N, C-alpha and C. Protein backbone atom coordinates (compact mmCIF):
# COMPACT_ATOMS: atom_id res chain seq x y z
N UNK A 1 19.60 -31.19 31.10
CA UNK A 1 18.80 -30.92 29.94
C UNK A 1 17.89 -29.71 30.17
N UNK A 2 17.27 -29.67 31.36
CA UNK A 2 16.40 -28.54 31.67
C UNK A 2 17.20 -27.24 31.77
N UNK A 3 18.43 -27.34 32.23
CA UNK A 3 19.28 -26.16 32.33
C UNK A 3 19.57 -25.59 30.95
N UNK A 4 19.88 -26.46 30.00
CA UNK A 4 20.16 -26.02 28.64
C UNK A 4 18.91 -25.42 28.00
N UNK A 5 17.78 -26.04 28.25
CA UNK A 5 16.51 -25.52 27.70
C UNK A 5 16.19 -24.16 28.28
N UNK A 6 16.41 -23.99 29.59
CA UNK A 6 16.17 -22.71 30.23
C UNK A 6 17.14 -21.66 29.70
N UNK A 7 18.42 -22.04 29.55
CA UNK A 7 19.41 -21.11 29.01
C UNK A 7 19.07 -20.71 27.57
N UNK A 8 18.63 -21.68 26.79
CA UNK A 8 18.25 -21.39 25.39
C UNK A 8 17.07 -20.42 25.36
N UNK A 9 16.09 -20.62 26.22
CA UNK A 9 14.93 -19.73 26.28
C UNK A 9 15.34 -18.32 26.65
N UNK A 10 16.23 -18.19 27.61
CA UNK A 10 16.69 -16.87 28.04
C UNK A 10 17.48 -16.19 26.92
N UNK A 11 18.35 -16.94 26.26
CA UNK A 11 19.14 -16.37 25.17
C UNK A 11 18.23 -15.94 24.02
N UNK A 12 17.25 -16.76 23.69
CA UNK A 12 16.32 -16.41 22.62
C UNK A 12 15.53 -15.16 22.98
N UNK A 13 15.06 -15.06 24.20
CA UNK A 13 14.30 -13.89 24.62
C UNK A 13 15.14 -12.62 24.56
N UNK A 14 16.37 -12.71 25.06
CA UNK A 14 17.25 -11.54 25.08
C UNK A 14 17.60 -11.12 23.65
N UNK A 15 17.88 -12.08 22.78
CA UNK A 15 18.24 -11.71 21.40
C UNK A 15 17.05 -11.10 20.66
N UNK A 16 15.86 -11.62 20.86
CA UNK A 16 14.67 -11.05 20.21
C UNK A 16 14.38 -9.67 20.78
N UNK A 17 14.52 -9.53 22.08
CA UNK A 17 14.30 -8.22 22.70
C UNK A 17 15.30 -7.20 22.17
N UNK A 18 16.56 -7.60 22.03
CA UNK A 18 17.58 -6.71 21.48
C UNK A 18 17.30 -6.34 20.04
N UNK A 19 16.81 -7.31 19.25
CA UNK A 19 16.47 -7.05 17.85
C UNK A 19 15.33 -6.05 17.75
N UNK A 20 14.29 -6.24 18.54
CA UNK A 20 13.16 -5.32 18.53
C UNK A 20 13.59 -3.93 18.99
N UNK A 21 14.43 -3.88 20.00
CA UNK A 21 14.91 -2.58 20.50
C UNK A 21 15.74 -1.88 19.43
N UNK A 22 16.56 -2.61 18.70
CA UNK A 22 17.38 -1.98 17.66
C UNK A 22 16.50 -1.47 16.52
N UNK A 23 15.41 -2.14 16.20
CA UNK A 23 14.49 -1.66 15.17
C UNK A 23 13.81 -0.38 15.64
N UNK A 24 13.43 -0.34 16.92
CA UNK A 24 12.79 0.86 17.45
C UNK A 24 13.72 2.06 17.44
N UNK A 25 14.99 1.84 17.71
CA UNK A 25 15.94 2.94 17.79
C UNK A 25 16.48 3.36 16.43
N UNK A 26 16.40 2.50 15.43
CA UNK A 26 16.93 2.81 14.11
C UNK A 26 15.96 3.73 13.38
N UNK A 27 16.37 4.96 13.15
CA UNK A 27 15.50 5.94 12.50
C UNK A 27 15.81 6.10 11.03
N UNK A 28 16.84 5.47 10.52
CA UNK A 28 17.19 5.61 9.11
C UNK A 28 16.11 5.02 8.21
N UNK A 29 15.66 3.82 8.50
CA UNK A 29 14.69 3.15 7.65
C UNK A 29 13.26 3.60 7.90
N UNK A 30 13.02 4.16 9.05
CA UNK A 30 11.66 4.55 9.39
C UNK A 30 11.16 5.64 8.48
N UNK A 31 11.95 6.66 8.21
CA UNK A 31 11.49 7.74 7.36
C UNK A 31 11.28 7.26 5.92
N UNK A 32 12.11 6.34 5.46
CA UNK A 32 11.94 5.78 4.12
C UNK A 32 10.64 5.03 3.98
N UNK A 33 10.29 4.27 5.00
CA UNK A 33 9.03 3.53 4.98
C UNK A 33 7.85 4.50 4.99
N UNK A 34 7.93 5.52 5.82
CA UNK A 34 6.85 6.51 5.90
C UNK A 34 6.68 7.22 4.56
N UNK A 35 7.78 7.61 3.95
CA UNK A 35 7.71 8.29 2.65
C UNK A 35 7.12 7.36 1.60
N UNK A 36 7.49 6.10 1.60
CA UNK A 36 6.96 5.16 0.63
C UNK A 36 5.45 4.98 0.80
N UNK A 37 5.00 4.85 2.03
CA UNK A 37 3.56 4.70 2.28
C UNK A 37 2.80 5.95 1.85
N UNK A 38 3.35 7.11 2.15
CA UNK A 38 2.68 8.36 1.75
C UNK A 38 2.63 8.51 0.23
N UNK A 39 3.70 8.13 -0.45
CA UNK A 39 3.69 8.20 -1.92
C UNK A 39 2.66 7.26 -2.52
N UNK A 40 2.53 6.08 -1.96
CA UNK A 40 1.52 5.14 -2.45
C UNK A 40 0.12 5.70 -2.23
N UNK A 41 -0.13 6.28 -1.06
CA UNK A 41 -1.44 6.87 -0.79
C UNK A 41 -1.75 8.04 -1.72
N UNK A 42 -0.77 8.89 -1.97
CA UNK A 42 -0.97 10.02 -2.88
C UNK A 42 -1.27 9.51 -4.28
N UNK A 43 -0.56 8.48 -4.72
CA UNK A 43 -0.80 7.93 -6.05
C UNK A 43 -2.21 7.34 -6.16
N UNK A 44 -2.64 6.64 -5.13
CA UNK A 44 -3.99 6.06 -5.14
C UNK A 44 -5.05 7.16 -5.19
N UNK A 45 -4.88 8.19 -4.38
CA UNK A 45 -5.85 9.29 -4.39
C UNK A 45 -5.85 10.04 -5.72
N UNK A 46 -4.69 10.18 -6.35
CA UNK A 46 -4.62 10.85 -7.65
C UNK A 46 -5.35 10.03 -8.71
N UNK A 47 -5.16 8.72 -8.70
CA UNK A 47 -5.86 7.86 -9.66
C UNK A 47 -7.36 7.91 -9.43
N UNK A 48 -7.78 7.88 -8.18
CA UNK A 48 -9.21 7.96 -7.88
C UNK A 48 -9.81 9.29 -8.32
N UNK A 49 -9.08 10.36 -8.11
CA UNK A 49 -9.56 11.68 -8.51
C UNK A 49 -9.69 11.77 -10.03
N UNK A 50 -8.69 11.31 -10.74
CA UNK A 50 -8.74 11.34 -12.21
C UNK A 50 -9.86 10.43 -12.70
N UNK A 51 -10.00 9.27 -12.08
CA UNK A 51 -11.02 8.31 -12.51
C UNK A 51 -12.43 8.89 -12.33
N UNK A 52 -12.67 9.57 -11.21
CA UNK A 52 -14.00 10.14 -10.99
C UNK A 52 -14.26 11.30 -11.94
N UNK A 53 -13.24 12.11 -12.22
CA UNK A 53 -13.41 13.23 -13.14
C UNK A 53 -13.62 12.74 -14.57
N UNK A 54 -12.88 11.73 -14.98
CA UNK A 54 -13.01 11.22 -16.34
C UNK A 54 -14.20 10.28 -16.50
N UNK A 55 -14.70 9.74 -15.40
CA UNK A 55 -15.81 8.79 -15.47
C UNK A 55 -17.04 9.38 -16.12
N UNK A 56 -17.41 10.58 -15.73
CA UNK A 56 -18.58 11.22 -16.33
C UNK A 56 -18.37 11.53 -17.80
N UNK A 57 -17.20 12.04 -18.13
CA UNK A 57 -16.91 12.37 -19.52
C UNK A 57 -16.87 11.12 -20.39
N UNK A 58 -16.25 10.05 -19.89
CA UNK A 58 -16.21 8.81 -20.66
C UNK A 58 -17.60 8.20 -20.81
N UNK A 59 -18.45 8.34 -19.79
CA UNK A 59 -19.82 7.85 -19.90
C UNK A 59 -20.60 8.58 -20.98
N UNK A 60 -20.45 9.90 -21.03
CA UNK A 60 -21.12 10.68 -22.07
C UNK A 60 -20.59 10.31 -23.45
N UNK A 61 -19.29 10.16 -23.55
CA UNK A 61 -18.68 9.80 -24.84
C UNK A 61 -19.16 8.43 -25.29
N UNK A 62 -19.23 7.47 -24.38
CA UNK A 62 -19.70 6.13 -24.73
C UNK A 62 -21.16 6.16 -25.16
N UNK A 63 -21.96 6.98 -24.50
CA UNK A 63 -23.37 7.11 -24.86
C UNK A 63 -23.50 7.66 -26.27
N UNK A 64 -22.71 8.67 -26.63
CA UNK A 64 -22.74 9.23 -27.99
C UNK A 64 -22.32 8.19 -29.03
N UNK A 65 -21.31 7.41 -28.68
CA UNK A 65 -20.83 6.38 -29.62
C UNK A 65 -21.90 5.32 -29.85
N UNK A 66 -22.53 4.87 -28.78
CA UNK A 66 -23.55 3.82 -28.95
C UNK A 66 -24.78 4.35 -29.67
N UNK A 67 -25.16 5.62 -29.43
CA UNK A 67 -26.29 6.20 -30.15
C UNK A 67 -25.98 6.34 -31.63
N UNK A 68 -24.74 6.73 -31.94
CA UNK A 68 -24.35 6.82 -33.35
C UNK A 68 -24.32 5.46 -34.00
N UNK A 69 -23.88 4.45 -33.28
CA UNK A 69 -23.86 3.10 -33.82
C UNK A 69 -25.28 2.60 -34.08
N UNK A 70 -26.20 2.91 -33.18
CA UNK A 70 -27.59 2.50 -33.39
C UNK A 70 -28.20 3.20 -34.60
N UNK A 71 -27.85 4.46 -34.83
CA UNK A 71 -28.36 5.19 -35.98
C UNK A 71 -27.80 4.61 -37.27
N UNK A 72 -26.58 4.15 -37.27
CA UNK A 72 -25.96 3.57 -38.46
C UNK A 72 -26.58 2.21 -38.80
N UNK A 73 -27.08 1.50 -37.80
CA UNK A 73 -27.72 0.21 -38.04
C UNK A 73 -29.03 0.37 -38.80
N UNK A 74 -29.69 1.50 -38.62
CA UNK A 74 -31.00 1.70 -39.25
C UNK A 74 -30.89 1.96 -40.68
C-alpha cells in the first residue's frame, strides 16, 4: 500500500512539473494574454481620462440646469 502511495505521489509530482514546464515553454498564449491585459489597461485609462475631462464640463452644465430650474420655480 505504501509503495502504491509513494508511486502515486511521484507520478503526480512529475505530471504537475511537466504541466508547469509546458506552460512556461509555450509562447503562443503568452503574447495573447499580454495583449489582452494591455488592451484592458488602455481602455480603463481612456475612460478615466474622458471622465475627468467631461467631469468639469458636466458639473458646470448641471449647475446651470439647477439654477435655471430654481429661477423657474420663482
